[in-house]
Amino acid sequence: AKGLLKTYQLTAAGNEQLLTITAPGQYVGEQALLGAPNPAAYT
């Protein structure tokens, strides 16, 4: 609704790999809801 989120996963070396930036009006998490979750993702 307000602000900014980032979704990322960690590489084998422990570094962040940015996946998406989610801005106001946008959403994240639909992959898990539709049966295809990313088991390594953080938001």
ModelCIF file with pLDDT and N, C-alpha, C, O atoms, coordinates in Angstrom:
data_MODEL
#
_entry.id   MODEL 
#
_entity.id                         1 
_entity.type                       polymer 
_entity.pdbx_number_of_molecules   1 
#
_entity_poly.entity_id                      1 
_entity_poly.type                           'polypeptide(L)' 
_entity_poly.nstd_linkage                   no 
_entity_poly.nstd_monomer                   no 
_entity_poly.pdbx_seq_one_letter_code       AKGLLKTYQLTAAGNEQLLTITAPGQYVGEQALLGAPNPAAYT 
_entity_poly.pdbx_seq_one_letter_code_can   AKGLLKTYQLTAAGNEQLLTITAPGQYVGEQALLGAPNPAAYT 
_entity_poly.pdbx_strand_id                 A 
#
loop_
_entity_poly_seq.entity_id 
_entity_poly_seq.num 
_entity_poly_seq.mon_id 
_entity_poly_seq.hetero 
1 1  ALA n 
1 2  LYS n 
1 3  GLY n 
1 4  LEU n 
1 5  LEU n 
1 6  LYS n 
1 7  THR n 
1 8  TYR n 
1 9  GLN n 
1 10 LEU n 
1 11 THR n 
1 12 ALA n 
1 13 ALA n 
1 14 GLY n 
1 15 ASN n 
1 16 GLU n 
1 17 GLN n 
1 18 LEU n 
1 19 LEU n 
1 20 THR n 
1 21 ILE n 
1 22 THR n 
1 23 ALA n 
1 24 PRO n 
1 25 GLY n 
1 26 GLN n 
1 27 TYR n 
1 28 VAL n 
1 29 GLY n 
1 30 GLU n 
1 31 GLN n 
1 32 ALA n 
1 33 LEU n 
1 34 LEU n 
1 35 GLY n 
1 36 ALA n 
1 37 PRO n 
1 38 ASN n 
1 39 PRO n 
1 40 ALA n 
1 41 ALA n 
1 42 TYR n 
1 43 THR n 
#
_struct_asym.id          A 
_struct_asym.entity_id   1 
#
loop_
_ma_qa_metric.id 
_ma_qa_metric.mode 
_ma_qa_metric.name 
_ma_qa_metric.software_group_id 
_ma_qa_metric.type 
1 global pLDDT . pLDDT 
2 local  pLDDT . pLDDT 
#
_ma_qa_metric_global.metric_id      1 
_ma_qa_metric_global.metric_value   82.95 
_ma_qa_metric_global.model_id       1 
_ma_qa_metric_global.ordinal_id     1 
#
loop_
_ma_qa_metric_local.label_asym_id 
_ma_qa_metric_local.label_comp_id 
_ma_qa_metric_local.label_seq_id 
_ma_qa_metric_local.metric_id 
_ma_qa_metric_local.metric_value 
_ma_qa_metric_local.model_id 
_ma_qa_metric_local.ordinal_id 
A ALA 1  2 87.00 1 1  
A LYS 2  2 87.00 1 2  
A GLY 3  2 88.00 1 3  
A LEU 4  2 88.00 1 4  
A LEU 5  2 91.00 1 5  
A LYS 6  2 89.00 1 6  
A THR 7  2 89.00 1 7  
A TYR 8  2 88.00 1 8  
A GLN 9  2 87.00 1 9  
A LEU 10 2 83.00 1 10 
A THR 11 2 79.00 1 11 
A ALA 12 2 80.00 1 12 
A ALA 13 2 80.00 1 13 
A GLY 14 2 80.00 1 14 
A ASN 15 2 78.00 1 15 
A GLU 16 2 81.00 1 16 
A GLN 17 2 80.00 1 17 
A LEU 18 2 80.00 1 18 
A LEU 19 2 83.00 1 19 
A THR 20 2 82.00 1 20 
A ILE 21 2 83.00 1 21 
A THR 22 2 86.00 1 22 
A ALA 23 2 83.00 1 23 
A PRO 24 2 85.00 1 24 
A GLY 25 2 82.00 1 25 
A GLN 26 2 84.00 1 26 
A TYR 27 2 85.00 1 27 
A VAL 28 2 88.00 1 28 
A GLY 29 2 85.00 1 29 
A GLU 30 2 80.00 1 30 
A GLN 31 2 78.00 1 31 
A ALA 32 2 75.00 1 32 
A LEU 33 2 74.00 1 33 
A LEU 34 2 72.00 1 34 
A GLY 35 2 72.00 1 35 
A ALA 36 2 74.00 1 36 
A PRO 37 2 77.00 1 37 
A ASN 38 2 81.00 1 38 
A PRO 39 2 84.00 1 39 
A ALA 40 2 86.00 1 40 
A ALA 41 2 88.00 1 41 
A TYR 42 2 92.00 1 42 
A THR 43 2 93.00 1 43 
#
loop_
_atom_site.group_PDB 
_atom_site.id 
_atom_site.type_symbol 
_atom_site.label_atom_id 
_atom_site.label_alt_id 
_atom_site.label_comp_id 
_atom_site.label_asym_id 
_atom_site.label_entity_id 
_atom_site.label_seq_id 
_atom_site.pdbx_PDB_ins_code 
_atom_site.Cartn_x 
_atom_site.Cartn_y 
_atom_site.Cartn_z 
_atom_site.occupancy 
_atom_site.B_iso_or_equiv 
_atom_site.pdbx_formal_charge 
_atom_site.auth_seq_id 
_atom_site.auth_comp_id 
_atom_site.auth_asym_id 
_atom_site.auth_atom_id 
_atom_site.pdbx_PDB_model_num 
ATOM 1   N N  . ALA A 1 1  ? 0.833  -1.204  0.000  1.00 87.00 ? 1  ALA A N  1 
ATOM 2   C CA . ALA A 1 1  ? 0.000  0.000   0.000  1.00 87.00 ? 1  ALA A CA 1 
ATOM 3   C C  . ALA A 1 1  ? 0.868  1.255   0.000  1.00 87.00 ? 1  ALA A C  1 
ATOM 4   O O  . ALA A 1 1  ? 0.494  2.279   -0.572 1.00 87.00 ? 1  ALA A O  1 
ATOM 5   N N  . LYS A 1 2  ? 2.031  1.166   0.647  1.00 87.00 ? 2  LYS A N  1 
ATOM 6   C CA . LYS A 1 2  ? 2.943  2.303   0.755  1.00 87.00 ? 2  LYS A CA 1 
ATOM 7   C C  . LYS A 1 2  ? 4.347  1.775   0.990  1.00 87.00 ? 2  LYS A C  1 
ATOM 8   O O  . LYS A 1 2  ? 4.529  0.787   1.702  1.00 87.00 ? 2  LYS A O  1 
ATOM 9   N N  . GLY A 1 3  ? 5.348  2.431   0.392  1.00 88.00 ? 3  GLY A N  1 
ATOM 10  C CA . GLY A 1 3  ? 6.728  2.008   0.608  1.00 88.00 ? 3  GLY A CA 1 
ATOM 11  C C  . GLY A 1 3  ? 7.268  1.193   -0.551 1.00 88.00 ? 3  GLY A C  1 
ATOM 12  O O  . GLY A 1 3  ? 6.848  1.371   -1.695 1.00 88.00 ? 3  GLY A O  1 
ATOM 13  N N  . LEU A 1 4  ? 8.205  0.293   -0.252 1.00 88.00 ? 4  LEU A N  1 
ATOM 14  C CA . LEU A 1 4  ? 8.897  -0.467  -1.286 1.00 88.00 ? 4  LEU A CA 1 
ATOM 15  C C  . LEU A 1 4  ? 9.438  -1.756  -0.680 1.00 88.00 ? 4  LEU A C  1 
ATOM 16  O O  . LEU A 1 4  ? 10.033 -1.742  0.398  1.00 88.00 ? 4  LEU A O  1 
ATOM 17  N N  . LEU A 1 5  ? 9.228  -2.871  -1.378 1.00 91.00 ? 5  LEU A N  1 
ATOM 18  C CA . LEU A 1 5  ? 9.749  -4.165  -0.937 1.00 91.00 ? 5  LEU A CA 1 
ATOM 19  C C  . LEU A 1 5  ? 10.733 -4.714  -1.964 1.00 91.00 ? 5  LEU A C  1 
ATOM 20  O O  . LEU A 1 5  ? 10.650 -4.398  -3.151 1.00 91.00 ? 5  LEU A O  1 
ATOM 21  N N  . LYS A 1 6  ? 11.646 -5.521  -1.501 1.00 89.00 ? 6  LYS A N  1 
ATOM 22  C CA . LYS A 1 6  ? 12.499 -6.260  -2.427 1.00 89.00 ? 6  LYS A CA 1 
ATOM 23  C C  . LYS A 1 6  ? 12.378 -7.749  -2.107 1.00 89.00 ? 6  LYS A C  1 
ATOM 24  O O  . LYS A 1 6  ? 12.263 -8.143  -0.946 1.00 89.00 ? 6  LYS A O  1 
ATOM 25  N N  . THR A 1 7  ? 12.405 -8.561  -3.154 1.00 89.00 ? 7  THR A N  1 
ATOM 26  C CA . THR A 1 7  ? 12.411 -10.004 -3.007 1.00 89.00 ? 7  THR A CA 1 
ATOM 27  C C  . THR A 1 7  ? 13.721 -10.521 -3.584 1.00 89.00 ? 7  THR A C  1 
ATOM 28  O O  . THR A 1 7  ? 14.107 -10.160 -4.696 1.00 89.00 ? 7  THR A O  1 
ATOM 29  N N  . TYR A 1 8  ? 14.390 -11.355 -2.831 1.00 88.00 ? 8  TYR A N  1 
ATOM 30  C CA . TYR A 1 8  ? 15.707 -11.830 -3.257 1.00 88.00 ? 8  TYR A CA 1 
ATOM 31  C C  . TYR A 1 8  ? 15.914 -13.263 -2.783 1.00 88.00 ? 8  TYR A C  1 
ATOM 32  O O  . TYR A 1 8  ? 15.172 -13.771 -1.943 1.00 88.00 ? 8  TYR A O  1 
ATOM 33  N N  . GLN A 1 9  ? 16.931 -13.895 -3.337 1.00 87.00 ? 9  GLN A N  1 
ATOM 34  C CA . GLN A 1 9  ? 17.370 -15.198 -2.850 1.00 87.00 ? 9  GLN A CA 1 
ATOM 35  C C  . GLN A 1 9  ? 18.869 -15.131 -2.621 1.00 87.00 ? 9  GLN A C  1 
ATOM 36  O O  . GLN A 1 9  ? 19.542 -14.242 -3.143 1.00 87.00 ? 9  GLN A O  1 
ATOM 37  N N  . LEU A 1 10 ? 19.387 -16.057 -1.851 1.00 83.00 ? 10 LEU A N  1 
ATOM 38  C CA . LEU A 1 10 ? 20.804 -16.062 -1.528 1.00 83.00 ? 10 LEU A CA 1 
ATOM 39  C C  . LEU A 1 10 ? 21.550 -17.019 -2.449 1.00 83.00 ? 10 LEU A C  1 
ATOM 40  O O  . LEU A 1 10 ? 21.090 -18.129 -2.718 1.00 83.00 ? 10 LEU A O  1 
ATOM 41  N N  . THR A 1 11 ? 22.711 -16.571 -2.928 1.00 79.00 ? 11 THR A N  1 
ATOM 42  C CA . THR A 1 11 ? 23.545 -17.427 -3.756 1.00 79.00 ? 11 THR A CA 1 
ATOM 43  C C  . THR A 1 11 ? 24.294 -18.416 -2.866 1.00 79.00 ? 11 THR A C  1 
ATOM 44  O O  . THR A 1 11 ? 24.229 -18.331 -1.639 1.00 79.00 ? 11 THR A O  1 
ATOM 45  N N  . ALA A 1 12 ? 25.003 -19.351 -3.492 1.00 80.00 ? 12 ALA A N  1 
ATOM 46  C CA . ALA A 1 12 ? 25.778 -20.339 -2.734 1.00 80.00 ? 12 ALA A CA 1 
ATOM 47  C C  . ALA A 1 12 ? 26.833 -19.662 -1.866 1.00 80.00 ? 12 ALA A C  1 
ATOM 48  O O  . ALA A 1 12 ? 27.242 -20.193 -0.834 1.00 80.00 ? 12 ALA A O  1 
ATOM 49  N N  . ALA A 1 13 ? 27.271 -18.471 -2.305 1.00 80.00 ? 13 ALA A N  1 
ATOM 50  C CA . ALA A 1 13 ? 28.278 -17.728 -1.548 1.00 80.00 ? 13 ALA A CA 1 
ATOM 51  C C  . ALA A 1 13 ? 27.660 -16.863 -0.458 1.00 80.00 ? 13 ALA A C  1 
ATOM 52  O O  . ALA A 1 13 ? 28.374 -16.190 0.286  1.00 80.00 ? 13 ALA A O  1 
ATOM 53  N N  . GLY A 1 14 ? 26.325 -16.879 -0.363 1.00 80.00 ? 14 GLY A N  1 
ATOM 54  C CA . GLY A 1 14 ? 25.657 -16.099 0.676  1.00 80.00 ? 14 GLY A CA 1 
ATOM 55  C C  . GLY A 1 14 ? 25.328 -14.679 0.280  1.00 80.00 ? 14 GLY A C  1 
ATOM 56  O O  . GLY A 1 14 ? 24.913 -13.883 1.123  1.00 80.00 ? 14 GLY A O  1 
ATOM 57  N N  . ASN A 1 15 ? 25.507 -14.339 -1.007 1.00 78.00 ? 15 ASN A N  1 
ATOM 58  C CA . ASN A 1 15 ? 25.198 -12.996 -1.481 1.00 78.00 ? 15 ASN A CA 1 
ATOM 59  C C  . ASN A 1 15 ? 23.742 -12.899 -1.939 1.00 78.00 ? 15 ASN A C  1 
ATOM 60  O O  . ASN A 1 15 ? 23.152 -13.880 -2.390 1.00 78.00 ? 15 ASN A O  1 
ATOM 61  N N  . GLU A 1 16 ? 23.185 -11.712 -1.816 1.00 81.00 ? 16 GLU A N  1 
ATOM 62  C CA . GLU A 1 16 ? 21.815 -11.500 -2.258 1.00 81.00 ? 16 GLU A CA 1 
ATOM 63  C C  . GLU A 1 16 ? 21.742 -11.452 -3.783 1.00 81.00 ? 16 GLU A C  1 
ATOM 64  O O  . GLU A 1 16 ? 22.568 -10.813 -4.434 1.00 81.00 ? 16 GLU A O  1 
ATOM 65  N N  . GLN A 1 17 ? 20.755 -12.128 -4.334 1.00 80.00 ? 17 GLN A N  1 
ATOM 66  C CA . GLN A 1 17 ? 20.441 -12.029 -5.757 1.00 80.00 ? 17 GLN A CA 1 
ATOM 67  C C  . GLN A 1 17 ? 19.043 -11.443 -5.868 1.00 80.00 ? 17 GLN A C  1 
ATOM 68  O O  . GLN A 1 17 ? 18.053 -12.112 -5.570 1.00 80.00 ? 17 GLN A O  1 
ATOM 69  N N  . LEU A 1 18 ? 18.969 -10.190 -6.298 1.00 80.00 ? 18 LEU A N  1 
ATOM 70  C CA . LEU A 1 18 ? 17.693 -9.485  -6.351 1.00 80.00 ? 18 LEU A CA 1 
ATOM 71  C C  . LEU A 1 18 ? 16.781 -10.098 -7.411 1.00 80.00 ? 18 LEU A C  1 
ATOM 72  O O  . LEU A 1 18 ? 17.204 -10.326 -8.544 1.00 80.00 ? 18 LEU A O  1 
ATOM 73  N N  . LEU A 1 19 ? 15.535 -10.363 -7.038 1.00 83.00 ? 19 LEU A N  1 
ATOM 74  C CA . LEU A 1 19 ? 14.567 -10.941 -7.963 1.00 83.00 ? 19 LEU A CA 1 
ATOM 75  C C  . LEU A 1 19 ? 13.563 -9.908  -8.442 1.00 83.00 ? 19 LEU A C  1 
ATOM 76  O O  . LEU A 1 19 ? 13.353 -9.757  -9.645 1.00 83.00 ? 19 LEU A O  1 
ATOM 77  N N  . THR A 1 20 ? 12.947 -9.200  -7.518 1.00 82.00 ? 20 THR A N  1 
ATOM 78  C CA . THR A 1 20 ? 11.962 -8.190  -7.893 1.00 82.00 ? 20 THR A CA 1 
ATOM 79  C C  . THR A 1 20 ? 11.948 -7.050  -6.884 1.00 82.00 ? 20 THR A C  1 
ATOM 80  O O  . THR A 1 20 ? 12.345 -7.206  -5.729 1.00 82.00 ? 20 THR A O  1 
ATOM 81  N N  . ILE A 1 21 ? 11.479 -5.900  -7.355 1.00 83.00 ? 21 ILE A N  1 
ATOM 82  C CA . ILE A 1 21 ? 11.180 -4.755  -6.503 1.00 83.00 ? 21 ILE A CA 1 
ATOM 83  C C  . ILE A 1 21 ? 9.669  -4.548  -6.587 1.00 83.00 ? 21 ILE A C  1 
ATOM 84  O O  . ILE A 1 21 ? 9.114  -4.482  -7.683 1.00 83.00 ? 21 ILE A O  1 
ATOM 85  N N  . THR A 1 22 ? 9.006  -4.446  -5.444 1.00 86.00 ? 22 THR A N  1 
ATOM 86  C CA . THR A 1 22 ? 7.550  -4.318  -5.419 1.00 86.00 ? 22 THR A CA 1 
ATOM 87  C C  . THR A 1 22 ? 7.175  -2.939  -4.885 1.00 86.00 ? 22 THR A C  1 
ATOM 88  O O  . THR A 1 22 ? 7.473  -2.599  -3.740 1.00 86.00 ? 22 THR A O  1 
ATOM 89  N N  . ALA A 1 23 ? 6.518  -2.156  -5.734 1.00 83.00 ? 23 ALA A N  1 
ATOM 90  C CA . ALA A 1 23 ? 6.160  -0.775  -5.420 1.00 83.00 ? 23 ALA A CA 1 
ATOM 91  C C  . ALA A 1 23 ? 4.693  -0.700  -5.002 1.00 83.00 ? 23 ALA A C  1 
ATOM 92  O O  . ALA A 1 23 ? 3.970  -1.690  -5.117 1.00 83.00 ? 23 ALA A O  1 
ATOM 93  N N  . PRO A 1 24 ? 4.240  0.468   -4.514 1.00 85.00 ? 24 PRO A N  1 
ATOM 94  C CA . PRO A 1 24 ? 2.838  0.613   -4.122 1.00 85.00 ? 24 PRO A CA 1 
ATOM 95  C C  . PRO A 1 24 ? 1.875  0.230   -5.239 1.00 85.00 ? 24 PRO A C  1 
ATOM 96  O O  . PRO A 1 24 ? 2.063  0.612   -6.395 1.00 85.00 ? 24 PRO A O  1 
ATOM 97  N N  . GLY A 1 25 ? 0.844  -0.525  -4.883 1.00 82.00 ? 25 GLY A N  1 
ATOM 98  C CA . GLY A 1 25 ? -0.120 -1.007  -5.860 1.00 82.00 ? 25 GLY A CA 1 
ATOM 99  C C  . GLY A 1 25 ? 0.240  -2.359  -6.442 1.00 82.00 ? 25 GLY A C  1 
ATOM 100 O O  . GLY A 1 25 ? -0.585 -2.990  -7.103 1.00 82.00 ? 25 GLY A O  1 
ATOM 101 N N  . GLN A 1 26 ? 1.471  -2.814  -6.202 1.00 84.00 ? 26 GLN A N  1 
ATOM 102 C CA . GLN A 1 26 ? 1.914  -4.106  -6.700 1.00 84.00 ? 26 GLN A CA 1 
ATOM 103 C C  . GLN A 1 26 ? 1.895  -5.134  -5.569 1.00 84.00 ? 26 GLN A C  1 
ATOM 104 O O  . GLN A 1 26 ? 1.635  -4.800  -4.413 1.00 84.00 ? 26 GLN A O  1 
ATOM 105 N N  . TYR A 1 27 ? 2.170  -6.364  -5.915 1.00 85.00 ? 27 TYR A N  1 
ATOM 106 C CA . TYR A 1 27 ? 2.066  -7.441  -4.930 1.00 85.00 ? 27 TYR A CA 1 
ATOM 107 C C  . TYR A 1 27 ? 3.146  -8.483  -5.159 1.00 85.00 ? 27 TYR A C  1 
ATOM 108 O O  . TYR A 1 27 ? 3.792  -8.510  -6.207 1.00 85.00 ? 27 TYR A O  1 
ATOM 109 N N  . VAL A 1 28 ? 3.332  -9.341  -4.164 1.00 88.00 ? 28 VAL A N  1 
ATOM 110 C CA . VAL A 1 28 ? 4.285  -10.443 -4.241 1.00 88.00 ? 28 VAL A CA 1 
ATOM 111 C C  . VAL A 1 28 ? 3.671  -11.631 -3.500 1.00 88.00 ? 28 VAL A C  1 
ATOM 112 O O  . VAL A 1 28 ? 2.835  -11.452 -2.614 1.00 88.00 ? 28 VAL A O  1 
ATOM 113 N N  . GLY A 1 29 ? 4.082  -12.820 -3.863 1.00 85.00 ? 29 GLY A N  1 
ATOM 114 C CA . GLY A 1 29 ? 3.579  -14.008 -3.182 1.00 85.00 ? 29 GLY A CA 1 
ATOM 115 C C  . GLY A 1 29 ? 2.613  -14.842 -3.999 1.00 85.00 ? 29 GLY A C  1 
ATOM 116 O O  . GLY A 1 29 ? 2.173  -15.902 -3.556 1.00 85.00 ? 29 GLY A O  1 
ATOM 117 N N  . GLU A 1 30 ? 2.278  -14.360 -5.206 1.00 80.00 ? 30 GLU A N  1 
ATOM 118 C CA . GLU A 1 30 ? 1.296  -15.089 -6.012 1.00 80.00 ? 30 GLU A CA 1 
ATOM 119 C C  . GLU A 1 30 ? 1.813  -16.452 -6.475 1.00 80.00 ? 30 GLU A C  1 
ATOM 120 O O  . GLU A 1 30 ? 1.020  -17.362 -6.716 1.00 80.00 ? 30 GLU A O  1 
ATOM 121 N N  . GLN A 1 31 ? 3.143  -16.601 -6.603 1.00 78.00 ? 31 GLN A N  1 
ATOM 122 C CA . GLN A 1 31 ? 3.691  -17.893 -7.039 1.00 78.00 ? 31 GLN A CA 1 
ATOM 123 C C  . GLN A 1 31 ? 3.349  -18.990 -6.039 1.00 78.00 ? 31 GLN A C  1 
ATOM 124 O O  . GLN A 1 31 ? 2.941  -20.088 -6.416 1.00 78.00 ? 31 GLN A O  1 
ATOM 125 N N  . ALA A 1 32 ? 3.520  -18.675 -4.764 1.00 75.00 ? 32 ALA A N  1 
ATOM 126 C CA . ALA A 1 32 ? 3.207  -19.660 -3.729 1.00 75.00 ? 32 ALA A CA 1 
ATOM 127 C C  . ALA A 1 32 ? 1.711  -19.961 -3.701 1.00 75.00 ? 32 ALA A C  1 
ATOM 128 O O  . ALA A 1 32 ? 1.303  -21.108 -3.516 1.00 75.00 ? 32 ALA A O  1 
ATOM 129 N N  . LEU A 1 33 ? 0.899  -18.920 -3.886 1.00 74.00 ? 33 LEU A N  1 
ATOM 130 C CA . LEU A 1 33 ? -0.550 -19.116 -3.859 1.00 74.00 ? 33 LEU A CA 1 
ATOM 131 C C  . LEU A 1 33 ? -1.011 -20.015 -5.001 1.00 74.00 ? 33 LEU A C  1 
ATOM 132 O O  . LEU A 1 33 ? -1.994 -20.745 -4.871 1.00 74.00 ? 33 LEU A O  1 
ATOM 133 N N  . LEU A 1 34 ? -0.289 -19.954 -6.129 1.00 72.00 ? 34 LEU A N  1 
ATOM 134 C CA . LEU A 1 34 ? -0.682 -20.723 -7.305 1.00 72.00 ? 34 LEU A CA 1 
ATOM 135 C C  . LEU A 1 34 ? 0.074  -22.039 -7.417 1.00 72.00 ? 34 LEU A C  1 
ATOM 136 O O  . LEU A 1 34 ? 0.038  -22.698 -8.456 1.00 72.00 ? 34 LEU A O  1 
ATOM 137 N N  . GLY A 1 35 ? 0.765  -22.422 -6.332 1.00 72.00 ? 35 GLY A N  1 
ATOM 138 C CA . GLY A 1 35 ? 1.388  -23.742 -6.286 1.00 72.00 ? 35 GLY A CA 1 
ATOM 139 C C  . GLY A 1 35 ? 2.808  -23.825 -6.789 1.00 72.00 ? 35 GLY A C  1 
ATOM 140 O O  . GLY A 1 35 ? 3.318  -24.926 -6.998 1.00 72.00 ? 35 GLY A O  1 
ATOM 141 N N  . ALA A 1 36 ? 3.483  -22.662 -6.997 1.00 74.00 ? 36 ALA A N  1 
ATOM 142 C CA . ALA A 1 36 ? 4.867  -22.690 -7.485 1.00 74.00 ? 36 ALA A CA 1 
ATOM 143 C C  . ALA A 1 36 ? 5.744  -21.775 -6.626 1.00 74.00 ? 36 ALA A C  1 
ATOM 144 O O  . ALA A 1 36 ? 6.288  -20.798 -7.141 1.00 74.00 ? 36 ALA A O  1 
ATOM 145 N N  . PRO A 1 37 ? 5.894  -22.067 -5.335 1.00 77.00 ? 37 PRO A N  1 
ATOM 146 C CA . PRO A 1 37 ? 6.680  -21.196 -4.451 1.00 77.00 ? 37 PRO A CA 1 
ATOM 147 C C  . PRO A 1 37 ? 8.171  -21.279 -4.738 1.00 77.00 ? 37 PRO A C  1 
ATOM 148 O O  . PRO A 1 37 ? 8.669  -22.297 -5.218 1.00 77.00 ? 37 PRO A O  1 
ATOM 149 N N  . ASN A 1 38 ? 8.871  -20.200 -4.438 1.00 81.00 ? 38 ASN A N  1 
ATOM 150 C CA . ASN A 1 38 ? 10.333 -20.211 -4.483 1.00 81.00 ? 38 ASN A CA 1 
ATOM 151 C C  . ASN A 1 38 ? 10.807 -20.501 -3.059 1.00 81.00 ? 38 ASN A C  1 
ATOM 152 O O  . ASN A 1 38 ? 10.698 -19.631 -2.195 1.00 81.00 ? 38 ASN A O  1 
ATOM 153 N N  . PRO A 1 39 ? 11.329 -21.698 -2.793 1.00 84.00 ? 39 PRO A N  1 
ATOM 154 C CA . PRO A 1 39 ? 11.677 -22.081 -1.417 1.00 84.00 ? 39 PRO A CA 1 
ATOM 155 C C  . PRO A 1 39 ? 12.872 -21.326 -0.850 1.00 84.00 ? 39 PRO A C  1 
ATOM 156 O O  . PRO A 1 39 ? 13.206 -21.483 0.325  1.00 84.00 ? 39 PRO A O  1 
ATOM 157 N N  . ALA A 1 40 ? 13.523 -20.502 -1.682 1.00 86.00 ? 40 ALA A N  1 
ATOM 158 C CA . ALA A 1 40 ? 14.706 -19.782 -1.212 1.00 86.00 ? 40 ALA A CA 1 
ATOM 159 C C  . ALA A 1 40 ? 14.499 -18.273 -1.176 1.00 86.00 ? 40 ALA A C  1 
ATOM 160 O O  . ALA A 1 40 ? 15.454 -17.527 -0.961 1.00 86.00 ? 40 ALA A O  1 
ATOM 161 N N  . ALA A 1 41 ? 13.262 -17.811 -1.383 1.00 88.00 ? 41 ALA A N  1 
ATOM 162 C CA . ALA A 1 41 ? 13.006 -16.377 -1.521 1.00 88.00 ? 41 ALA A CA 1 
ATOM 163 C C  . ALA A 1 41 ? 12.736 -15.691 -0.186 1.00 88.00 ? 41 ALA A C  1 
ATOM 164 O O  . ALA A 1 41 ? 12.074 -16.242 0.693  1.00 88.00 ? 41 ALA A O  1 
ATOM 165 N N  . TYR A 1 42 ? 13.265 -14.477 -0.056 1.00 92.00 ? 42 TYR A N  1 
ATOM 166 C CA . TYR A 1 42 ? 13.018 -13.597 1.084  1.00 92.00 ? 42 TYR A CA 1 
ATOM 167 C C  . TYR A 1 42 ? 12.409 -12.304 0.547  1.00 92.00 ? 42 TYR A C  1 
ATOM 168 O O  . TYR A 1 42 ? 12.726 -11.876 -0.563 1.00 92.00 ? 42 TYR A O  1 
ATOM 169 N N  . THR A 1 43 ? 11.530 -11.683 1.340  1.00 93.00 ? 43 THR A N  1 
ATOM 170 C CA . THR A 1 43 ? 10.988 -10.376 0.980  1.00 93.00 ? 43 THR A CA 1 
ATOM 171 C C  . THR A 1 43 ? 11.120 -9.454  2.184  1.00 93.00 ? 43 THR A C  1 
ATOM 172 O O  . THR A 1 43 ? 10.726 -8.290  2.117  1.00 93.00 ? 43 THR A O  1 
#
